[in-house]
PDB file of N, CA and C in Angstrom:
ATOM      1  N   MET A   1     -38.120 -22.851  -5.775  1.00  0.00           N
ATOM      2  CA  MET A   1     -38.423 -20.717  -6.463  1.00  0.00           C
ATOM      3  C   MET A   1     -38.075 -20.045  -6.255  1.00  0.00           C
ATOM      4  N   LEU A   2     -37.538 -19.359  -7.235  1.00  0.00           N
ATOM      5  CA  LEU A   2     -36.619 -17.671  -7.387  1.00  0.00           C
ATOM      6  C   LEU A   2     -37.334 -17.242  -6.498  1.00  0.00           C
ATOM      7  N   LYS A   3     -36.260 -16.100  -5.659  1.00  0.00           N
ATOM      8  CA  LYS A   3     -36.689 -14.949  -5.339  1.00  0.00           C
ATOM      9  C   LYS A   3     -36.415 -13.525  -5.933  1.00  0.00           C
ATOM     10  N   ILE A   4     -37.200 -12.838  -6.540  1.00  0.00           N
ATOM     11  CA  ILE A   4     -36.710 -11.450  -7.331  1.00  0.00           C
ATOM     12  C   ILE A   4     -36.776 -10.430  -6.092  1.00  0.00           C
ATOM     13  N   TYR A   5     -35.548  -9.656  -5.892  1.00  0.00           N
ATOM     14  CA  TYR A   5     -35.214  -8.603  -5.257  1.00  0.00           C
ATOM     15  C   TYR A   5     -35.863  -7.609  -5.622  1.00  0.00           C
ATOM     16  N   HIS A   6     -37.088  -6.643  -5.550  1.00  0.00           N
ATOM     17  CA  HIS A   6     -37.306  -6.349  -6.969  1.00  0.00           C
ATOM     18  C   HIS A   6     -38.266  -4.777  -6.875  1.00  0.00           C
ATOM     19  N   ASN A   7     -38.264  -3.698  -7.192  1.00  0.00           N
ATOM     20  CA  ASN A   7     -38.663  -2.351  -6.887  1.00  0.00           C
ATOM     21  C   ASN A   7     -39.513  -2.127  -8.358  1.00  0.00           C
ATOM     22  N   PRO A   8     -40.572  -1.930  -8.390  1.00  0.00           N
ATOM     23  CA  PRO A   8     -41.730  -2.061  -8.935  1.00  0.00           C
ATOM     24  C   PRO A   8     -41.684  -0.595 -10.133  1.00  0.00           C
ATOM     25  N   ARG A   9     -41.051   0.879  -9.443  1.00  0.00           N
ATOM     26  CA  ARG A   9     -40.637   1.678  -9.976  1.00  0.00           C
ATOM     27  C   ARG A   9     -39.356   2.378 -10.718  1.00  0.00           C
ATOM     28  N   CYS A  10     -38.226   0.749 -11.340  1.00  0.00           N
ATOM     29  CA  CYS A  10     -37.314   0.832 -11.619  1.00  0.00           C
ATOM     30  C   CYS A  10     -37.962   0.293 -13.155  1.00  0.00           C
ATOM     31  N   SER A  11     -37.717   0.499 -14.308  1.00  0.00           N
ATOM     32  CA  SER A  11     -37.429   0.112 -15.348  1.00  0.00           C
ATOM     33  C   SER A  11     -37.037  -1.327 -15.402  1.00  0.00           C
ATOM     34  N   LYS A  12     -35.864  -1.448 -15.150  1.00  0.00           N
ATOM     35  CA  LYS A  12     -34.621  -3.043 -15.371  1.00  0.00           C
ATOM     36  C   LYS A  12     -35.267  -3.679 -14.557  1.00  0.00           C
ATOM     37  N   SER A  13     -35.988  -3.497 -13.298  1.00  0.00           N
ATOM     38  CA  SER A  13     -36.740  -4.329 -12.238  1.00  0.00           C
ATOM     39  C   SER A  13     -37.686  -5.121 -12.869  1.00  0.00           C
ATOM     40  N   ARG A  14     -38.367  -4.070 -13.548  1.00  0.00           N
ATOM     41  CA  ARG A  14     -39.631  -4.896 -14.111  1.00  0.00           C
ATOM     42  C   ARG A  14     -39.255  -5.597 -14.907  1.00  0.00           C
ATOM     43  N   ALA A  15     -38.376  -5.181 -15.756  1.00  0.00           N
ATOM     44  CA  ALA A  15     -38.111  -5.920 -16.919  1.00  0.00           C
ATOM     45  C   ALA A  15     -37.469  -7.446 -16.392  1.00  0.00           C
ATOM     46  N   GLY A  16     -37.250  -7.362 -15.107  1.00  0.00           N
ATOM     47  CA  GLY A  16     -36.282  -8.511 -14.623  1.00  0.00           C
ATOM     48  C   GLY A  16     -37.851  -9.651 -14.449  1.00  0.00           C
ATOM     49  N   LEU A  17     -38.256  -8.708 -14.143  1.00  0.00           N
ATOM     50  CA  LEU A  17     -39.836  -9.136 -13.850  1.00  0.00           C
ATOM     51  C   LEU A  17     -40.665 -10.067 -14.733  1.00  0.00           C
ATOM     52  N   LYS A  18     -40.367  -9.235 -15.853  1.00  0.00           N
ATOM     53  CA  LYS A  18     -41.215 -10.063 -16.717  1.00  0.00           C
ATOM     54  C   LYS A  18     -40.490 -10.919 -17.502  1.00  0.00           C
ATOM     55  N   TYR A  19     -39.180 -11.139 -17.102  1.00  0.00           N
ATOM     56  CA  TYR A  19     -38.788 -12.023 -17.930  1.00  0.00           C
ATOM     57  C   TYR A  19     -38.946 -13.415 -17.336  1.00  0.00           C
ATOM     58  N   LEU A  20     -39.045 -13.130 -15.908  1.00  0.00           N
ATOM     59  CA  LEU A  20     -39.760 -14.364 -15.316  1.00  0.00           C
ATOM     60  C   LEU A  20     -40.913 -14.747 -15.199  1.00  0.00           C
ATOM     61  N   VAL A  21     -42.220 -14.184 -15.733  1.00  0.00           N
ATOM     62  CA  VAL A  21     -43.447 -14.182 -15.709  1.00  0.00           C
ATOM     63  C   VAL A  21     -43.292 -14.691 -17.180  1.00  0.00           C
ATOM     64  N   ASP A  22     -42.763 -14.351 -18.419  1.00  0.00           N
ATOM     65  CA  ASP A  22     -42.903 -14.077 -19.645  1.00  0.00           C
ATOM     66  C   ASP A  22     -42.309 -16.542 -19.716  1.00  0.00           C
ATOM     67  N   ASN A  23     -41.074 -16.039 -19.095  1.00  0.00           N
ATOM     68  CA  ASN A  23     -40.469 -17.693 -19.454  1.00  0.00           C
ATOM     69  C   ASN A  23     -41.112 -18.739 -18.432  1.00  0.00           C
ATOM     70  N   THR A  24     -42.094 -18.231 -17.846  1.00  0.00           N
ATOM     71  CA  THR A  24     -43.088 -18.757 -16.770  1.00  0.00           C
ATOM     72  C   THR A  24     -42.043 -19.476 -15.789  1.00  0.00           C
ATOM     73  N   ILE A  25     -41.446 -18.952 -15.007  1.00  0.00           N
ATOM     74  CA  ILE A  25     -40.587 -19.527 -14.065  1.00  0.00           C
ATOM     75  C   ILE A  25     -41.084 -18.907 -12.790  1.00  0.00           C
ATOM     76  N   PRO A  26     -41.729 -19.927 -11.412  1.00  0.00           N
ATOM     77  CA  PRO A  26     -41.750 -19.614 -10.487  1.00  0.00           C
ATOM     78  C   PRO A  26     -40.761 -18.498  -9.860  1.00  0.00           C
ATOM     79  N   HIS A  27     -41.489 -17.868  -9.384  1.00  0.00           N
ATOM     80  CA  HIS A  27     -40.870 -16.558  -8.204  1.00  0.00           C
ATOM     81  C   HIS A  27     -41.582 -16.574  -7.212  1.00  0.00           C
ATOM     82  N   LYS A  28     -40.586 -15.622  -6.069  1.00  0.00           N
ATOM     83  CA  LYS A  28     -41.301 -15.194  -5.271  1.00  0.00           C
ATOM     84  C   LYS A  28     -40.757 -13.493  -5.209  1.00  0.00           C
ATOM     85  N   ILE A  29     -41.678 -12.849  -5.060  1.00  0.00           N
ATOM     86  CA  ILE A  29     -41.471 -11.104  -5.833  1.00  0.00           C
ATOM     87  C   ILE A  29     -41.208 -11.011  -4.127  1.00  0.00           C
ATOM     88  N   ILE A  30     -39.892 -10.199  -3.923  1.00  0.00           N
ATOM     89  CA  ILE A  30     -39.486  -9.400  -2.638  1.00  0.00           C
ATOM     90  C   ILE A  30     -39.433  -7.847  -2.883  1.00  0.00           C
ATOM     91  N   GLU A  31     -40.047  -7.100  -2.470  1.00  0.00           N
ATOM     92  CA  GLU A  31     -39.921  -5.033  -2.552  1.00  0.00           C
ATOM     93  C   GLU A  31     -39.239  -5.024  -1.890  1.00  0.00           C
ATOM     94  N   TYR A  32     -38.039  -5.515  -1.620  1.00  0.00           N
ATOM     95  CA  TYR A  32     -37.070  -4.662  -0.930  1.00  0.00           C
ATOM     96  C   TYR A  32     -37.410  -3.762   0.063  1.00  0.00           C
ATOM     97  N   LEU A  33     -37.574  -2.787  -0.823  1.00  0.00           N
ATOM     98  CA  LEU A  33     -38.278  -1.455   0.063  1.00  0.00           C
ATOM     99  C   LEU A  33     -39.152  -0.965   0.645  1.00  0.00           C
ATOM    100  N   LYS A  34     -39.530  -2.452   0.827  1.00  0.00           N
ATOM    101  CA  LYS A  34     -40.912  -2.270   1.834  1.00  0.00           C
ATOM    102  C   LYS A  34     -40.472  -3.413   3.008  1.00  0.00           C
ATOM    103  N   VAL A  35     -39.289  -4.155   2.841  1.00  0.00           N
ATOM    104  CA  VAL A  35     -38.513  -4.908   4.108  1.00  0.00           C
ATOM    105  C   VAL A  35     -37.525  -4.765   5.084  1.00  0.00           C
ATOM    106  N   LEU A  36     -37.094  -5.087   5.951  1.00  0.00           N
ATOM    107  CA  LEU A  36     -35.961  -4.647   6.367  1.00  0.00           C
ATOM    108  C   LEU A  36     -34.715  -5.722   5.960  1.00  0.00           C
ATOM    109  N   LEU A  37     -33.892  -5.020   4.972  1.00  0.00           N
ATOM    110  CA  LEU A  37     -32.518  -6.165   4.849  1.00  0.00           C
ATOM    111  C   LEU A  37     -31.725  -6.113   6.139  1.00  0.00           C
ATOM    112  N   SER A  38     -31.116  -6.530   7.042  1.00  0.00           N
ATOM    113  CA  SER A  38     -29.932  -6.188   6.946  1.00  0.00           C
ATOM    114  C   SER A  38     -28.252  -6.368   6.412  1.00  0.00           C
ATOM    115  N   PRO A  39     -27.682  -6.072   7.107  1.00  0.00           N
ATOM    116  CA  PRO A  39     -26.025  -5.451   7.222  1.00  0.00           C
ATOM    117  C   PRO A  39     -25.896  -7.496   6.373  1.00  0.00           C
ATOM    118  N   GLU A  40     -25.986  -8.353   6.953  1.00  0.00           N
ATOM    119  CA  GLU A  40     -25.879  -9.167   6.828  1.00  0.00           C
ATOM    120  C   GLU A  40     -26.814 -10.503   5.840  1.00  0.00           C
ATOM    121  N   ASP A  41     -27.755  -9.832   5.193  1.00  0.00           N
ATOM    122  CA  ASP A  41     -28.562  -9.905   4.307  1.00  0.00           C
ATOM    123  C   ASP A  41     -27.818  -9.253   2.783  1.00  0.00           C
ATOM    124  N   ILE A  42     -27.429  -8.647   3.035  1.00  0.00           N
ATOM    125  CA  ILE A  42     -26.840  -7.932   2.056  1.00  0.00           C
ATOM    126  C   ILE A  42     -25.120  -8.620   1.402  1.00  0.00           C
ATOM    127  N   MET A  43     -25.069  -8.670   2.636  1.00  0.00           N
ATOM    128  CA  MET A  43     -23.441  -9.249   2.604  1.00  0.00           C
ATOM    129  C   MET A  43     -24.216 -10.976   1.908  1.00  0.00           C
ATOM    130  N   ASP A  44     -25.414 -11.451   2.651  1.00  0.00           N
ATOM    131  CA  ASP A  44     -25.544 -12.729   0.995  1.00  0.00           C
ATOM    132  C   ASP A  44     -25.623 -12.457   0.386  1.00  0.00           C
ATOM    133  N   LEU A  45     -26.380 -11.620   0.136  1.00  0.00           N
ATOM    134  CA  LEU A  45     -26.137 -11.436  -1.825  1.00  0.00           C
ATOM    135  C   LEU A  45     -25.371 -11.283  -2.434  1.00  0.00           C
ATOM    136  N   SER A  46     -24.130 -10.493  -1.639  1.00  0.00           N
ATOM    137  CA  SER A  46     -22.935 -10.317  -2.464  1.00  0.00           C
ATOM    138  C   SER A  46     -22.449 -11.694  -2.444  1.00  0.00           C
ATOM    139  N   ILE A  47     -21.876 -12.728  -1.572  1.00  0.00           N
ATOM    140  CA  ILE A  47     -21.430 -13.643  -1.693  1.00  0.00           C
ATOM    141  C   ILE A  47     -22.401 -14.538  -2.560  1.00  0.00           C
ATOM    142  N   LYS A  48     -23.569 -14.149  -2.538  1.00  0.00           N
ATOM    143  CA  LYS A  48     -24.289 -15.695  -4.015  1.00  0.00           C
ATOM    144  C   LYS A  48     -24.206 -15.136  -5.056  1.00  0.00           C
ATOM    145  N   THR A  49     -24.384 -13.632  -4.978  1.00  0.00           N
ATOM    146  CA  THR A  49     -23.562 -12.834  -6.626  1.00  0.00           C
ATOM    147  C   THR A  49     -22.412 -13.476  -6.904  1.00  0.00           C
ATOM    148  N   GLY A  50     -21.445 -13.395  -6.050  1.00  0.00           N
ATOM    149  CA  GLY A  50     -19.844 -13.049  -6.430  1.00  0.00           C
ATOM    150  C   GLY A  50     -19.374 -11.842  -6.572  1.00  0.00           C
ATOM    151  N   LEU A  51     -20.569 -10.931  -6.304  1.00  0.00           N
ATOM    152  CA  LEU A  51     -19.762  -9.848  -6.179  1.00  0.00           C
ATOM    153  C   LEU A  51     -19.476  -8.795  -4.799  1.00  0.00           C
ATOM    154  N   LYS A  52     -18.739  -8.377  -5.051  1.00  0.00           N
ATOM    155  CA  LYS A  52     -18.203  -6.933  -3.616  1.00  0.00           C
ATOM    156  C   LYS A  52     -19.729  -6.061  -3.265  1.00  0.00           C
ATOM    157  N   PRO A  53     -20.259  -6.328  -2.217  1.00  0.00           N
ATOM    158  CA  PRO A  53     -20.723  -5.281  -1.823  1.00  0.00           C
ATOM    159  C   PRO A  53     -20.830  -3.868  -2.596  1.00  0.00           C
ATOM    160  N   PHE A  54     -19.718  -3.110  -2.991  1.00  0.00           N
ATOM    161  CA  PHE A  54     -19.344  -1.941  -3.363  1.00  0.00           C
ATOM    162  C   PHE A  54     -20.467  -1.934  -4.517  1.00  0.00           C
ATOM    163  N   GLU A  55     -20.178  -3.175  -5.431  1.00  0.00           N
ATOM    164  CA  GLU A  55     -20.976  -3.618  -6.831  1.00  0.00           C
ATOM    165  C   GLU A  55     -22.161  -3.737  -6.844  1.00  0.00           C
ATOM    166  N   LEU A  56     -22.638  -3.507  -5.564  1.00  0.00           N
ATOM    167  CA  LEU A  56     -24.511  -3.754  -6.011  1.00  0.00           C
ATOM    168  C   LEU A  56     -24.486  -2.527  -5.011  1.00  0.00           C
ATOM    169  N   VAL A  57     -23.912  -1.341  -5.471  1.00  0.00           N
ATOM    170  CA  VAL A  57     -24.060   0.342  -5.156  1.00  0.00           C
ATOM    171  C   VAL A  57     -24.617   0.682  -6.390  1.00  0.00           C
ATOM    172  N   ARG A  58     -25.827   1.121  -6.750  1.00  0.00           N
ATOM    173  CA  ARG A  58     -26.529   2.070  -7.246  1.00  0.00           C
ATOM    174  C   ARG A  58     -25.198   3.403  -7.499  1.00  0.00           C
ATOM    175  N   THR A  59     -24.616   3.680  -8.278  1.00  0.00           N
ATOM    176  CA  THR A  59     -23.099   4.928  -8.098  1.00  0.00           C
ATOM    177  C   THR A  59     -24.066   6.760  -8.474  1.00  0.00           C
ATOM    178  N   HIS A  60     -25.020   5.956  -9.542  1.00  0.00           N
ATOM    179  CA  HIS A  60     -26.065   7.120 -10.253  1.00  0.00           C
ATOM    180  C   HIS A  60     -27.106   7.384  -8.973  1.00  0.00           C
ATOM    181  N   GLU A  61     -27.626   6.966  -7.912  1.00  0.00           N
ATOM    182  CA  GLU A  61     -28.387   7.488  -7.211  1.00  0.00           C
ATOM    183  C   GLU A  61     -27.962   8.615  -5.882  1.00  0.00           C
ATOM    184  N   GLU A  62     -28.768   9.667  -5.958  1.00  0.00           N
ATOM    185  CA  GLU A  62     -28.277  11.271  -5.577  1.00  0.00           C
ATOM    186  C   GLU A  62     -27.480  10.922  -3.647  1.00  0.00           C
ATOM    187  N   TYR A  63     -28.092   9.650  -3.530  1.00  0.00           N
ATOM    188  CA  TYR A  63     -27.109   9.547  -1.890  1.00  0.00           C
ATOM    189  C   TYR A  63     -25.871   9.523  -2.277  1.00  0.00           C
ATOM    190  N   PHE A  64     -25.175   8.894  -3.069  1.00  0.00           N
ATOM    191  CA  PHE A  64     -24.310   8.164  -3.424  1.00  0.00           C
ATOM    192  C   PHE A  64     -23.406   9.262  -3.883  1.00  0.00           C
ATOM    193  N   LYS A  65     -23.853  10.578  -4.486  1.00  0.00           N
ATOM    194  CA  LYS A  65     -23.315  11.648  -5.218  1.00  0.00           C
ATOM    195  C   LYS A  65     -23.075  12.528  -4.035  1.00  0.00           C
ATOM    196  N   LYS A  66     -24.188  12.770  -3.363  1.00  0.00           N
ATOM    197  CA  LYS A  66     -23.439  13.484  -2.090  1.00  0.00           C
ATOM    198  C   LYS A  66     -23.069  12.859  -1.054  1.00  0.00           C
ATOM    199  N   ASN A  67     -23.119  11.895  -0.442  1.00  0.00           N
ATOM    200  CA  ASN A  67     -22.628  11.130   0.873  1.00  0.00           C
ATOM    201  C   ASN A  67     -21.207  10.577   0.493  1.00  0.00           C
ATOM    202  N   LEU A  68     -21.516   9.715  -0.503  1.00  0.00           N
ATOM    203  CA  LEU A  68     -20.117   8.754  -0.334  1.00  0.00           C
ATOM    204  C   LEU A  68     -19.279   8.327  -1.813  1.00  0.00           C
ATOM    205  N   LYS A  69     -19.693   8.732  -2.694  1.00  0.00           N
ATOM    206  CA  LYS A  69     -18.282   9.333  -3.854  1.00  0.00           C
ATOM    207  C   LYS A  69     -17.380   9.514  -3.495  1.00  0.00           C
ATOM    208  N   GLY A  70     -16.264   8.715  -3.602  1.00  0.00           N
ATOM    209  CA  GLY A  70     -14.900   8.878  -3.947  1.00  0.00           C
ATOM    210  C   GLY A  70     -14.065   8.804  -2.193  1.00  0.00           C
ATOM    211  N   LYS A  71     -15.607   8.104  -1.211  1.00  0.00           N
ATOM    212  CA  LYS A  71     -14.314   7.327  -0.176  1.00  0.00           C
ATOM    213  C   LYS A  71     -14.653   6.048  -0.268  1.00  0.00           C
ATOM    214  N   GLU A  72     -14.288   5.362   0.957  1.00  0.00           N
ATOM    215  CA  GLU A  72     -13.547   4.053   0.863  1.00  0.00           C
ATOM    216  C   GLU A  72     -13.938   3.853   2.054  1.00  0.00           C
ATOM    217  N   PHE A  73     -14.604   2.411   1.850  1.00  0.00           N
ATOM    218  CA  PHE A  73     -15.226   1.277   3.599  1.00  0.00           C
ATOM    219  C   PHE A  73     -15.215  -0.120   3.080  1.00  0.00           C
ATOM    220  N   THR A  74     -14.675  -0.773   3.833  1.00  0.00           N
ATOM    221  CA  THR A  74     -14.766  -1.939   3.865  1.00  0.00           C
ATOM    222  C   THR A  74     -15.999  -2.396   3.317  1.00  0.00           C
ATOM    223  N   ASP A  75     -16.032  -3.752   3.143  1.00  0.00           N
ATOM    224  CA  ASP A  75     -17.031  -4.679   2.767  1.00  0.00           C
ATOM    225  C   ASP A  75     -18.605  -4.573   3.614  1.00  0.00           C
ATOM    226  N   LYS A  76     -17.819  -4.760   5.214  1.00  0.00           N
ATOM    227  CA  LYS A  76     -18.725  -4.894   5.927  1.00  0.00           C
ATOM    228  C   LYS A  76     -19.868  -3.404   6.476  1.00  0.00           C
ATOM    229  N   GLU A  77     -19.056  -2.591   5.558  1.00  0.00           N
ATOM    230  CA  GLU A  77     -19.384  -1.342   5.508  1.00  0.00           C
ATOM    231  C   GLU A  77     -20.246  -0.920   5.018  1.00  0.00           C
ATOM    232  N   TRP A  78     -19.582  -1.025   3.615  1.00  0.00           N
ATOM    233  CA  TRP A  78     -20.764  -1.052   2.710  1.00  0.00           C
ATOM    234  C   TRP A  78     -22.398  -1.872   2.646  1.00  0.00           C
ATOM    235  N   CYS A  79     -21.881  -2.740   3.157  1.00  0.00           N
ATOM    236  CA  CYS A  79     -23.272  -3.881   3.464  1.00  0.00           C
ATOM    237  C   CYS A  79     -24.435  -2.972   4.407  1.00  0.00           C
ATOM    238  N   GLU A  80     -23.776  -2.056   5.581  1.00  0.00           N
ATOM    239  CA  GLU A  80     -23.900  -1.244   6.673  1.00  0.00           C
ATOM    240  C   GLU A  80     -24.877  -0.034   5.583  1.00  0.00           C
ATOM    241  N   ILE A  81     -24.132   0.215   4.809  1.00  0.00           N
ATOM    242  CA  ILE A  81     -24.253   1.542   4.199  1.00  0.00           C
ATOM    243  C   ILE A  81     -25.625   1.515   3.044  1.00  0.00           C
ATOM    244  N   ILE A  82     -25.498   0.172   3.019  1.00  0.00           N
ATOM    245  CA  ILE A  82     -26.989  -0.172   1.586  1.00  0.00           C
ATOM    246  C   ILE A  82     -27.703  -0.709   2.806  1.00  0.00           C
ATOM    247  N   SER A  83     -27.518  -1.615   3.746  1.00  0.00           N
ATOM    248  CA  SER A  83     -28.946  -1.625   4.856  1.00  0.00           C
ATOM    249  C   SER A  83     -29.530  -0.538   4.958  1.00  0.00           C
ATOM    250  N   GLU A  84     -29.167   0.552   5.368  1.00  0.00           N
ATOM    251  CA  GLU A  84     -29.634   1.585   6.089  1.00  0.00           C
ATOM    252  C   GLU A  84     -30.074   2.830   4.614  1.00  0.00           C
ATOM    253  N   ASN A  85     -29.656   2.236   3.429  1.00  0.00           N
ATOM    254  CA  ASN A  85     -30.129   3.338   2.876  1.00  0.00           C
ATOM    255  C   ASN A  85     -30.481   2.246   1.086  1.00  0.00           C
ATOM    256  N   LEU A  86     -31.653   1.863   1.347  1.00  0.00           N
ATOM    257  CA  LEU A  86     -31.682  -0.053   0.542  1.00  0.00           C
ATOM    258  C   LEU A  86     -32.102   0.967  -1.071  1.00  0.00           C
ATOM    259  N   ARG A  87     -32.571   1.999  -1.581  1.00  0.00           N
ATOM    260  CA  ARG A  87     -32.274   2.183  -2.751  1.00  0.00           C
ATOM    261  C   ARG A  87     -31.279   2.807  -3.529  1.00  0.00           C
ATOM    262  N   LEU A  88     -29.975   1.985  -3.043  1.00  0.00           N
ATOM    263  CA  LEU A  88     -28.737   2.259  -3.402  1.00  0.00           C
ATOM    264  C   LEU A  88     -28.047   0.740  -3.980  1.00  0.00           C
ATOM    265  N   LEU A  89     -29.545  -0.227  -3.203  1.00  0.00           N
ATOM    266  CA  LEU A  89     -28.970  -2.075  -3.818  1.00  0.00           C
ATOM    267  C   LEU A  89     -29.684  -1.351  -5.619  1.00  0.00           C
ATOM    268  N   HIS A  90     -28.403  -1.839  -6.222  1.00  0.00           N
ATOM    269  CA  HIS A  90     -28.933  -2.259  -7.479  1.00  0.00           C
ATOM    270  C   HIS A  90     -29.708  -3.738  -8.018  1.00  0.00           C
ATOM    271  N   ARG A  91     -30.941  -3.272  -8.555  1.00  0.00           N
ATOM    272  CA  ARG A  91     -32.069  -4.172  -8.776  1.00  0.00           C
ATOM    273  C   ARG A  91     -32.143  -4.803 -10.237  1.00  0.00           C
ATOM    274  N   PRO A  92     -32.875  -6.085 -11.026  1.00  0.00           N
ATOM    275  CA  PRO A  92     -33.349  -6.919  -9.957  1.00  0.00           C
ATOM    276  C   PRO A  92     -31.729  -7.626  -9.177  1.00  0.00           C
ATOM    277  N   ILE A  93     -32.072  -8.161  -8.218  1.00  0.00           N
ATOM    278  CA  ILE A  93     -31.494  -8.999  -7.759  1.00  0.00           C
ATOM    279  C   ILE A  93     -32.259 -10.707  -7.523  1.00  0.00           C
ATOM    280  N   VAL A  94     -32.095 -11.733  -8.222  1.00  0.00           N
ATOM    281  CA  VAL A  94     -32.721 -12.913  -7.918  1.00  0.00           C
ATOM    282  C   VAL A  94     -31.558 -14.074  -8.071  1.00  0.00           C
ATOM    283  N   VAL A  95     -32.335 -14.628  -6.874  1.00  0.00           N
ATOM    284  CA  VAL A  95     -31.943 -16.012  -6.169  1.00  0.00           C
ATOM    285  C   VAL A  95     -32.560 -17.247  -6.355  1.00  0.00           C
ATOM    286  N   ASN A  96     -31.715 -18.243  -6.351  1.00  0.00           N
ATOM    287  CA  ASN A  96     -31.830 -19.804  -6.595  1.00  0.00           C
ATOM    288  C   ASN A  96     -31.309 -20.680  -5.413  1.00  0.00           C
ATOM    289  N   GLY A  97     -31.377 -20.407  -4.325  1.00  0.00           N
ATOM    290  CA  GLY A  97     -30.794 -21.034  -3.382  1.00  0.00           C
ATOM    291  C   GLY A  97     -29.663 -20.516  -3.261  1.00  0.00           C
ATOM    292  N   ASN A  98     -28.290 -20.634  -3.020  1.00  0.00           N
ATOM    293  CA  ASN A  98     -27.238 -20.580  -3.410  1.00  0.00           C
ATOM    294  C   ASN A  98     -26.702 -19.736  -4.109  1.00  0.00           C
ATOM    295  N   ASN A  99     -27.261 -19.154  -4.888  1.00  0.00           N
ATOM    296  CA  ASN A  99     -26.677 -18.482  -6.212  1.00  0.00           C
ATOM    297  C   ASN A  99     -27.698 -17.348  -6.426  1.00  0.00           C
ATOM    298  N   ALA A 100     -27.334 -16.616  -6.889  1.00  0.00           N
ATOM    299  CA  ALA A 100     -27.677 -15.214  -7.056  1.00  0.00           C
ATOM    300  C   ALA A 100     -27.427 -14.448  -8.247  1.00  0.00           C
ATOM    301  N   VAL A 101     -28.168 -13.387  -8.966  1.00  0.00           N
ATOM    302  CA  VAL A 101     -27.580 -12.749 -10.319  1.00  0.00           C
ATOM    303  C   VAL A 101     -28.017 -11.169  -9.973  1.00  0.00           C
ATOM    304  N   LEU A 102     -27.129 -11.096 -10.407  1.00  0.00           N
ATOM    305  CA  LEU A 102     -28.167  -9.051 -10.939  1.00  0.00           C
ATOM    306  C   LEU A 102     -28.505  -9.051 -12.237  1.00  0.00           C
ATOM    307  N   ALA A 103     -29.925  -9.213 -11.978  1.00  0.00           N
ATOM    308  CA  ALA A 103     -30.476  -9.638 -13.841  1.00  0.00           C
ATOM    309  C   ALA A 103     -30.262  -8.646 -14.763  1.00  0.00           C
ATOM    310  N   GLN A 104     -29.172  -7.589 -14.990  1.00  0.00           N
ATOM    311  CA  GLN A 104     -28.748  -6.708 -15.469  1.00  0.00           C
ATOM    312  C   GLN A 104     -28.218  -7.030 -16.985  1.00  0.00           C
ATOM    313  N   PRO A 105     -28.500  -7.589 -17.901  1.00  0.00           N
ATOM    314  CA  PRO A 105     -29.912  -8.054 -18.404  1.00  0.00           C
ATOM    315  C   PRO A 105     -30.584  -9.248 -17.851  1.00  0.00           C
ATOM    316  N   PRO A 106     -31.746  -8.943 -17.989  1.00  0.00           N
ATOM    317  CA  PRO A 106     -32.295 -10.095 -17.211  1.00  0.00           C
ATOM    318  C   PRO A 106     -32.171 -11.230 -18.071  1.00  0.00           C
ATOM    319  N   GLU A 107     -31.576 -11.997 -18.909  1.00  0.00           N
ATOM    320  CA  GLU A 107     -31.171 -13.253 -19.699  1.00  0.00           C
ATOM    321  C   GLU A 107     -30.130 -14.045 -18.581  1.00  0.00           C
ATOM    322  N   ASN A 108     -29.867 -13.100 -17.498  1.00  0.00           N
ATOM    323  CA  ASN A 108     -28.478 -13.470 -16.439  1.00  0.00           C
ATOM    324  C   ASN A 108     -29.073 -14.351 -15.528  1.00  0.00           C
ATOM    325  N   ILE A 109     -30.276 -14.183 -15.604  1.00  0.00           N
ATOM    326  CA  ILE A 109     -31.062 -15.291 -15.239  1.00  0.00           C
ATOM    327  C   ILE A 109     -31.148 -17.076 -15.174  1.00  0.00           C
ATOM    328  N   ASN A 110     -31.082 -16.729 -16.673  1.00  0.00           N
ATOM    329  CA  ASN A 110     -30.838 -18.466 -17.309  1.00  0.00           C
ATOM    330  C   ASN A 110     -29.430 -18.819 -16.280  1.00  0.00           C
ATOM    331  N   ASN A 111     -28.777 -17.670 -15.971  1.00  0.00           N
ATOM    332  CA  ASN A 111     -27.135 -18.433 -15.209  1.00  0.00           C
ATOM    333  C   ASN A 111     -27.051 -18.908 -14.099  1.00  0.00           C
ATOM    334  N   ILE A 112     -28.438 -18.767 -13.334  1.00  0.00           N
ATOM    335  CA  ILE A 112     -28.856 -19.738 -11.827  1.00  0.00           C
ATOM    336  C   ILE A 112     -30.092 -20.510 -12.046  1.00  0.00           C
ATOM    337  N   LEU A 113     -30.255 -21.228 -13.323  1.00  0.00           N
ATOM    338  CA  LEU A 113     -31.190 -22.009 -12.845  1.00  0.00           C
ATOM    339  C   LEU A 113     -30.766 -23.359 -13.233  1.00  0.00           C
TER     340      LEU A 113
END
């Protein structure tokens, strides 16, 4: 069963969830703003997607612009930063076992089926 890291207030996240529902793909919803994701969890998502932790950061978020823009951090530090500020995490991320995708566009989900 797929897992979708979802924020119901995000249109892109809702589009990813709709894609799963419309295609009758079994899934479990993880509203990641309501759970604790550790830096290790973020690193795991990074590894599964094949994206660097920084590539999982929503750089248009106000917190990023005010506090992080132009600064350099290690992958481990980015995972800590994202874990402490989960709104920075791109969404939706869909996981299938050891593989995951950033489902923007939602059709990216097909890459892990």
